[in-house]
Amino acid sequence: MENTSVEILLIEDNMNDAELAIRAFRKGNINNNLIHLKDGAQALEFLFGTGKFEGRDIKNKPKVILLDLKMPKMDGLEVLTRIKANELTKAIPVVVLTSSKEHPDIDRAYSLGANSYIVKPVELDEFTKVVTDLGFYWLLKNHPPV
């Protein structure tokens, strides 16, 4: 795997939602160095340089992670738990971007260290605006720790 810089790690199993998010980033000219992964297990392999991502420079951390909750293999709450429990990844901002409006999911995500929780809008234009706004904030405004 190439060791180029990663700015956005999109962890989303729904291809339609992933394509909409990627299109929204492109439209806002903020799609540089975006990696899309389809499940939680794959995301952890990427972040920790294991499995298919063996040898990846794990010091090359994303500036922000957009994380769906309802995914195959490993759900987003488990992924979030592991990200926030590890010294290498705990400071990476994690934005939960999901269809779940359930209060237990919202409460649990924040208690596990989510930086933001956004329910995916159903309407295409609104979804595009939300994703573009997320990108501008987390990539251009926010100053994460090094």
C-alpha atoms as a PDB file:
ATOM      1  CA  MET A   1       0.000   0.000   0.000  1.00  0.00           C
ATOM      2  CA  GLU A   2       1.169   3.450  -0.886  1.00  0.00           C
ATOM      3  CA  ASN A   3       2.255   5.635   2.012  1.00  0.00           C
ATOM      4  CA  THR A   4       0.723   8.881   0.783  1.00  0.00           C
ATOM      5  CA  SER A   5      -0.912  11.170   3.300  1.00  0.00           C
ATOM      6  CA  VAL A   6      -4.479  10.340   4.310  1.00  0.00           C
ATOM      7  CA  GLU A   7      -6.784  13.199   5.173  1.00  0.00           C
ATOM      8  CA  ILE A   8     -10.212  11.563   5.266  1.00  0.00           C
ATOM      9  CA  LEU A   9     -10.932   7.959   6.195  1.00  0.00           C
ATOM     10  CA  LEU A  10     -14.510   7.136   5.204  1.00  0.00           C
ATOM     11  CA  ILE A  11     -15.758   3.901   6.792  1.00  0.00           C
ATOM     12  CA  GLU A  12     -19.085   3.147   5.135  1.00  0.00           C
ATOM     13  CA  ASP A  13     -20.587  -0.138   3.914  1.00  0.00           C
ATOM     14  CA  ASN A  14     -23.432   1.409   1.901  1.00  0.00           C
ATOM     15  CA  MET A  15     -21.955   2.104  -1.528  1.00  0.00           C
ATOM     16  CA  ASN A  16     -24.641   4.674  -2.393  1.00  0.00           C
ATOM     17  CA  ASP A  17     -23.883   6.702   0.747  1.00  0.00           C
ATOM     18  CA  ALA A  18     -20.136   6.363   0.174  1.00  0.00           C
ATOM     19  CA  GLU A  19     -20.429   7.533  -3.433  1.00  0.00           C
ATOM     20  CA  LEU A  20     -22.593  10.492  -2.356  1.00  0.00           C
ATOM     21  CA  ALA A  21     -20.047  11.483   0.291  1.00  0.00           C
ATOM     22  CA  ILE A  22     -17.145  11.173  -2.148  1.00  0.00           C
ATOM     23  CA  ARG A  23     -19.059  13.220  -4.744  1.00  0.00           C
ATOM     24  CA  ALA A  24     -19.824  15.885  -2.119  1.00  0.00           C
ATOM     25  CA  PHE A  25     -16.142  16.130  -1.177  1.00  0.00           C
ATOM     26  CA  ARG A  26     -15.198  16.401  -4.857  1.00  0.00           C
ATOM     27  CA  LYS A  27     -17.802  19.107  -5.388  1.00  0.00           C
ATOM     28  CA  GLY A  28     -16.299  21.086  -2.500  1.00  0.00           C
ATOM     29  CA  ASN A  29     -12.741  20.417  -3.753  1.00  0.00           C
ATOM     30  CA  ILE A  30     -11.877  18.599  -0.520  1.00  0.00           C
ATOM     31  CA  ASN A  31     -11.518  15.021  -1.738  1.00  0.00           C
ATOM     32  CA  ASN A  32      -7.727  14.941  -1.584  1.00  0.00           C
ATOM     33  CA  ASN A  33      -6.348  11.769  -0.092  1.00  0.00           C
ATOM     34  CA  LEU A  34      -9.660  10.175   0.818  1.00  0.00           C
ATOM     35  CA  ILE A  35      -9.655   6.462   1.595  1.00  0.00           C
ATOM     36  CA  HIS A  36     -12.968   4.579   1.571  1.00  0.00           C
ATOM     37  CA  LEU A  37     -13.212   1.295   3.473  1.00  0.00           C
ATOM     38  CA  LYS A  38     -16.320  -0.888   3.572  1.00  0.00           C
ATOM     39  CA  ASP A  39     -16.264  -2.394   7.058  1.00  0.00           C
ATOM     40  CA  GLY A  40     -14.914  -1.942  10.550  1.00  0.00           C
ATOM     41  CA  ALA A  41     -12.438  -4.822  10.473  1.00  0.00           C
ATOM     42  CA  GLN A  42     -10.836  -3.439   7.308  1.00  0.00           C
ATOM     43  CA  ALA A  43     -10.680   0.026   8.892  1.00  0.00           C
ATOM     44  CA  LEU A  44      -8.785  -1.254  11.922  1.00  0.00           C
ATOM     45  CA  GLU A  45      -6.366  -3.164   9.677  1.00  0.00           C
ATOM     46  CA  PHE A  46      -5.734   0.089   7.803  1.00  0.00           C
ATOM     47  CA  LEU A  47      -5.245   2.196  10.948  1.00  0.00           C
ATOM     48  CA  PHE A  48      -2.954  -0.318  12.652  1.00  0.00           C
ATOM     49  CA  GLY A  49      -1.077  -1.573   9.563  1.00  0.00           C
ATOM     50  CA  THR A  50      -2.158  -5.192   9.781  1.00  0.00           C
ATOM     51  CA  GLY A  51      -3.726  -7.767   7.441  1.00  0.00           C
ATOM     52  CA  LYS A  52      -4.004  -6.488   3.883  1.00  0.00           C
ATOM     53  CA  PHE A  53      -2.438  -3.192   5.028  1.00  0.00           C
ATOM     54  CA  GLU A  54       0.676  -4.822   6.544  1.00  0.00           C
ATOM     55  CA  GLY A  55       3.615  -2.472   6.079  1.00  0.00           C
ATOM     56  CA  ARG A  56       1.542   0.713   5.810  1.00  0.00           C
ATOM     57  CA  ASP A  57       3.142   3.634   7.665  1.00  0.00           C
ATOM     58  CA  ILE A  58       0.826   3.847  10.685  1.00  0.00           C
ATOM     59  CA  LYS A  59       2.265   7.246  11.612  1.00  0.00           C
ATOM     60  CA  ASN A  60       0.370   8.514   8.561  1.00  0.00           C
ATOM     61  CA  LYS A  61      -2.916   9.085  10.380  1.00  0.00           C
ATOM     62  CA  PRO A  62      -6.093  10.506   8.855  1.00  0.00           C
ATOM     63  CA  LYS A  63      -7.054  14.049   9.831  1.00  0.00           C
ATOM     64  CA  VAL A  64     -10.630  12.867  10.360  1.00  0.00           C
ATOM     65  CA  ILE A  65     -12.558   9.593  10.329  1.00  0.00           C
ATOM     66  CA  LEU A  66     -16.160   9.488   9.117  1.00  0.00           C
ATOM     67  CA  LEU A  67     -17.667   6.376  10.661  1.00  0.00           C
ATOM     68  CA  ASP A  68     -20.937   4.601   9.980  1.00  0.00           C
ATOM     69  CA  LEU A  69     -22.350   2.552  12.865  1.00  0.00           C
ATOM     70  CA  LYS A  70     -24.290  -0.259  11.213  1.00  0.00           C
ATOM     71  CA  MET A  71     -21.685  -2.288   9.299  1.00  0.00           C
ATOM     72  CA  PRO A  72     -20.857  -5.930   8.632  1.00  0.00           C
ATOM     73  CA  LYS A  73     -17.988  -7.787  10.354  1.00  0.00           C
ATOM     74  CA  MET A  74     -17.581  -5.140  13.066  1.00  0.00           C
ATOM     75  CA  ASP A  75     -19.976  -2.337  13.918  1.00  0.00           C
ATOM     76  CA  GLY A  76     -18.951   1.278  14.235  1.00  0.00           C
ATOM     77  CA  LEU A  77     -19.197   1.384  18.021  1.00  0.00           C
ATOM     78  CA  GLU A  78     -16.616  -1.410  18.298  1.00  0.00           C
ATOM     79  CA  VAL A  79     -14.379   0.386  15.799  1.00  0.00           C
ATOM     80  CA  LEU A  80     -14.740   3.607  17.789  1.00  0.00           C
ATOM     81  CA  THR A  81     -13.894   1.761  21.023  1.00  0.00           C
ATOM     82  CA  ARG A  82     -10.678   0.407  19.528  1.00  0.00           C
ATOM     83  CA  ILE A  83      -9.671   3.705  17.942  1.00  0.00           C
ATOM     84  CA  LYS A  84     -10.098   5.647  21.178  1.00  0.00           C
ATOM     85  CA  ALA A  85      -8.391   2.950  23.300  1.00  0.00           C
ATOM     86  CA  ASN A  86      -5.151   3.068  21.311  1.00  0.00           C
ATOM     87  CA  GLU A  87      -2.458   5.700  21.999  1.00  0.00           C
ATOM     88  CA  LEU A  88      -1.630   5.996  18.304  1.00  0.00           C
ATOM     89  CA  THR A  89      -5.200   6.715  17.173  1.00  0.00           C
ATOM     90  CA  LYS A  90      -7.107   8.114  20.153  1.00  0.00           C
ATOM     91  CA  ALA A  91      -6.596  11.770  19.167  1.00  0.00           C
ATOM     92  CA  ILE A  92      -7.941  11.325  15.609  1.00  0.00           C
ATOM     93  CA  PRO A  93     -11.300  13.108  15.370  1.00  0.00           C
ATOM     94  CA  VAL A  94     -14.098  10.639  14.706  1.00  0.00           C
ATOM     95  CA  VAL A  95     -17.371  11.873  13.251  1.00  0.00           C
ATOM     96  CA  VAL A  96     -20.167   9.333  13.405  1.00  0.00           C
ATOM     97  CA  LEU A  97     -22.127   9.741  10.164  1.00  0.00           C
ATOM     98  CA  THR A  98     -24.995   7.294  10.351  1.00  0.00           C
ATOM     99  CA  SER A  99     -28.688   6.759   9.747  1.00  0.00           C
ATOM    100  CA  SER A 100     -29.305   5.811  13.398  1.00  0.00           C
ATOM    101  CA  LYS A 101     -31.280   8.367  15.416  1.00  0.00           C
ATOM    102  CA  GLU A 102     -31.497   5.981  18.376  1.00  0.00           C
ATOM    103  CA  HIS A 103     -30.587   7.673  21.655  1.00  0.00           C
ATOM    104  CA  PRO A 104     -28.637   4.657  22.981  1.00  0.00           C
ATOM    105  CA  ASP A 105     -26.402   4.809  19.880  1.00  0.00           C
ATOM    106  CA  ILE A 106     -25.897   8.564  20.255  1.00  0.00           C
ATOM    107  CA  ASP A 107     -25.157   8.314  23.990  1.00  0.00           C
ATOM    108  CA  ARG A 108     -22.797   5.368  23.540  1.00  0.00           C
ATOM    109  CA  ALA A 109     -20.912   7.002  20.661  1.00  0.00           C
ATOM    110  CA  TYR A 110     -20.215  10.107  22.723  1.00  0.00           C
ATOM    111  CA  SER A 111     -19.301   8.092  25.813  1.00  0.00           C
ATOM    112  CA  LEU A 112     -16.773   6.166  23.690  1.00  0.00           C
ATOM    113  CA  GLY A 113     -15.139   9.384  22.496  1.00  0.00           C
ATOM    114  CA  ALA A 114     -16.897  10.407  19.264  1.00  0.00           C
ATOM    115  CA  ASN A 115     -16.191  14.028  18.406  1.00  0.00           C
ATOM    116  CA  SER A 116     -19.471  14.518  16.587  1.00  0.00           C
ATOM    117  CA  TYR A 117     -22.617  12.541  15.757  1.00  0.00           C
ATOM    118  CA  ILE A 118     -24.488  13.362  12.577  1.00  0.00           C
ATOM    119  CA  VAL A 119     -27.586  11.619  11.303  1.00  0.00           C
ATOM    120  CA  LYS A 120     -27.356  11.245   7.528  1.00  0.00           C
ATOM    121  CA  PRO A 121     -29.920  13.408   5.804  1.00  0.00           C
ATOM    122  CA  VAL A 122     -32.099  11.486   3.364  1.00  0.00           C
ATOM    123  CA  GLU A 123     -32.431  14.345   0.870  1.00  0.00           C
ATOM    124  CA  LEU A 124     -29.538  14.423  -1.627  1.00  0.00           C
ATOM    125  CA  ASP A 125     -28.805  18.176  -1.573  1.00  0.00           C
ATOM    126  CA  GLU A 126     -28.882  18.296   2.220  1.00  0.00           C
ATOM    127  CA  PHE A 127     -26.619  15.211   2.447  1.00  0.00           C
ATOM    128  CA  THR A 128     -24.152  16.873   0.055  1.00  0.00           C
ATOM    129  CA  LYS A 129     -24.145  20.082   2.106  1.00  0.00           C
ATOM    130  CA  VAL A 130     -23.609  18.230   5.399  1.00  0.00           C
ATOM    131  CA  VAL A 131     -20.678  16.226   4.011  1.00  0.00           C
ATOM    132  CA  THR A 132     -19.095  19.285   2.410  1.00  0.00           C
ATOM    133  CA  ASP A 133     -19.452  21.275   5.649  1.00  0.00           C
ATOM    134  CA  LEU A 134     -17.866  18.378   7.585  1.00  0.00           C
ATOM    135  CA  GLY A 135     -14.902  18.341   5.242  1.00  0.00           C
ATOM    136  CA  PHE A 136     -14.355  22.091   5.437  1.00  0.00           C
ATOM    137  CA  TYR A 137     -14.483  22.083   9.228  1.00  0.00           C
ATOM    138  CA  TRP A 138     -12.348  19.023   9.966  1.00  0.00           C
ATOM    139  CA  LEU A 139      -9.776  19.566   7.209  1.00  0.00           C
ATOM    140  CA  LEU A 140      -9.498  23.336   6.981  1.00  0.00           C
ATOM    141  CA  LYS A 141     -10.640  24.812  10.308  1.00  0.00           C
ATOM    142  CA  ASN A 142      -9.767  22.197  12.910  1.00  0.00           C
ATOM    143  CA  HIS A 143      -6.177  21.900  14.196  1.00  0.00           C
ATOM    144  CA  PRO A 144      -5.668  18.317  15.425  1.00  0.00           C
ATOM    145  CA  PRO A 145      -2.710  17.271  17.546  1.00  0.00           C
ATOM    146  CA  VAL A 146       0.316  16.097  15.593  1.00  0.00           C
END
